[in-house]
Amino acid sequence: MIKAKIAVNGYGTIEKRVADAVRAQDDMEIIGISKTKPNYEAAVANQLGYDIYAPVENIEVFEKAGMSAAGTIKKMIGKTDLVVDYTPGGVGEKNKPLL
């Protein structure tokens, strides 16, 4: 069976639930989630085994916090069939041209 490759832009209150729901599906897989900074939510995503993607300017910040970023958000989007974006206005907006 071919699985749809899903990216979740963000990992907040709604995005956490979306990522977990996608992970529970037989015909979908999470390629990764995006975070802008290595906070508690990013640590939870890391513990759950989600690949974390970050803005290019924040990759080093994740590394310094001990969380390896799998790459840039642009790289994540390039690996997916579908992007779920529930980020608040002004946050995901800078990624819209990539979609």
Protein backbone atom coordinates (compact mmCIF):
# COMPACT_ATOMS: atom_id res chain seq x y z
CA MET A 1 0.00 0.00 0.00
CA ILE A 2 1.25 3.47 -0.88
CA LYS A 3 1.00 5.88 2.01
CA ALA A 4 0.25 9.58 1.65
CA LYS A 5 3.15 11.66 2.99
CA ILE A 6 1.88 14.36 5.32
CA ALA A 7 3.70 17.36 6.81
CA VAL A 8 2.29 19.35 9.71
CA ASN A 9 3.34 22.99 9.70
CA GLY A 10 3.53 23.80 13.40
CA TYR A 11 3.03 21.67 16.48
CA GLY A 12 0.71 23.52 18.82
CA THR A 13 -2.65 22.66 20.35
CA ILE A 14 -4.36 21.72 17.09
CA GLU A 15 -1.34 20.48 15.15
CA LYS A 16 -0.43 17.94 17.86
CA ARG A 17 -3.83 16.33 17.48
CA VAL A 18 -3.62 16.36 13.68
CA ALA A 19 -0.19 14.72 13.74
CA ASP A 20 -1.37 12.00 16.13
CA ALA A 21 -4.50 11.39 14.03
CA VAL A 22 -2.44 11.07 10.85
CA ARG A 23 -0.01 8.71 12.59
CA ALA A 24 -2.96 6.46 13.52
CA GLN A 25 -4.00 6.03 9.86
CA ASP A 26 -2.86 3.03 7.84
CA ASP A 27 -2.70 4.95 4.58
CA MET A 28 -0.78 8.03 5.80
CA GLU A 29 2.59 8.81 7.32
CA ILE A 30 3.98 11.90 9.00
CA ILE A 31 7.04 13.18 7.18
CA GLY A 32 7.63 15.74 9.91
CA ILE A 33 6.42 18.72 11.86
CA SER A 34 7.76 22.25 11.92
CA LYS A 35 8.64 24.41 14.87
CA THR A 36 10.22 27.85 15.01
CA LYS A 37 12.00 27.28 18.33
CA PRO A 38 13.11 24.35 20.50
CA ASN A 39 10.46 24.67 23.21
CA TYR A 40 8.52 22.11 25.27
CA GLU A 41 6.26 21.18 22.36
CA ALA A 42 9.28 20.55 20.15
CA ALA A 43 10.75 18.32 22.88
CA VAL A 44 7.50 16.30 23.00
CA ALA A 45 7.51 15.93 19.21
CA ASN A 46 11.12 14.81 19.39
CA GLN A 47 10.30 12.21 22.07
CA LEU A 48 7.41 10.90 19.95
CA GLY A 49 9.84 10.38 17.07
CA TYR A 50 8.57 13.08 14.73
CA ASP A 51 11.21 14.64 12.51
CA ILE A 52 11.38 18.34 13.31
CA TYR A 53 11.94 20.91 10.58
CA ALA A 54 12.73 24.54 11.27
CA PRO A 55 13.22 27.83 9.48
CA VAL A 56 16.72 27.93 8.00
CA GLU A 57 17.76 30.68 10.41
CA ASN A 58 16.79 28.53 13.44
CA ILE A 59 18.47 25.21 12.58
CA GLU A 60 21.50 26.04 14.72
CA VAL A 61 19.26 27.04 17.66
CA PHE A 62 17.76 23.53 17.66
CA GLU A 63 21.21 21.94 17.52
CA LYS A 64 22.37 24.02 20.51
CA ALA A 65 19.28 22.89 22.44
CA GLY A 66 20.15 19.24 21.79
CA MET A 67 17.34 18.64 19.29
CA SER A 68 18.48 17.73 15.84
CA ALA A 69 16.48 19.44 13.15
CA ALA A 70 15.87 17.16 10.19
CA GLY A 71 16.22 20.16 7.91
CA THR A 72 14.44 23.26 6.77
CA ILE A 73 10.69 23.70 6.37
CA LYS A 74 11.26 24.00 2.63
CA LYS A 75 12.92 20.58 2.66
CA MET A 76 9.97 19.11 4.62
CA ILE A 77 7.46 20.52 2.15
CA GLY A 78 9.44 19.07 -0.74
CA LYS A 79 9.05 15.56 0.67
CA THR A 80 5.27 15.62 1.13
CA ASP A 81 2.03 15.01 -0.69
CA LEU A 82 0.02 17.27 1.64
CA VAL A 83 0.80 20.02 4.16
CA VAL A 84 -1.53 20.67 7.08
CA ASP A 85 -1.13 24.27 8.24
CA TYR A 86 -3.05 25.58 11.25
CA THR A 87 -0.41 28.11 12.23
CA PRO A 88 -1.72 31.48 13.42
CA GLY A 89 -1.79 34.43 11.04
CA GLY A 90 1.66 35.82 10.45
CA VAL A 91 3.47 32.62 11.44
CA GLY A 92 2.85 30.23 8.55
CA GLU A 93 2.35 33.10 6.13
CA LYS A 94 6.03 33.28 5.21
CA ASN A 95 5.86 29.63 4.09
CA LYS A 96 2.81 30.07 1.84
CA PRO A 97 4.95 30.84 -1.25
CA LEU A 98 6.56 27.41 -0.79
CA LEU A 99 3.21 25.68 -1.01
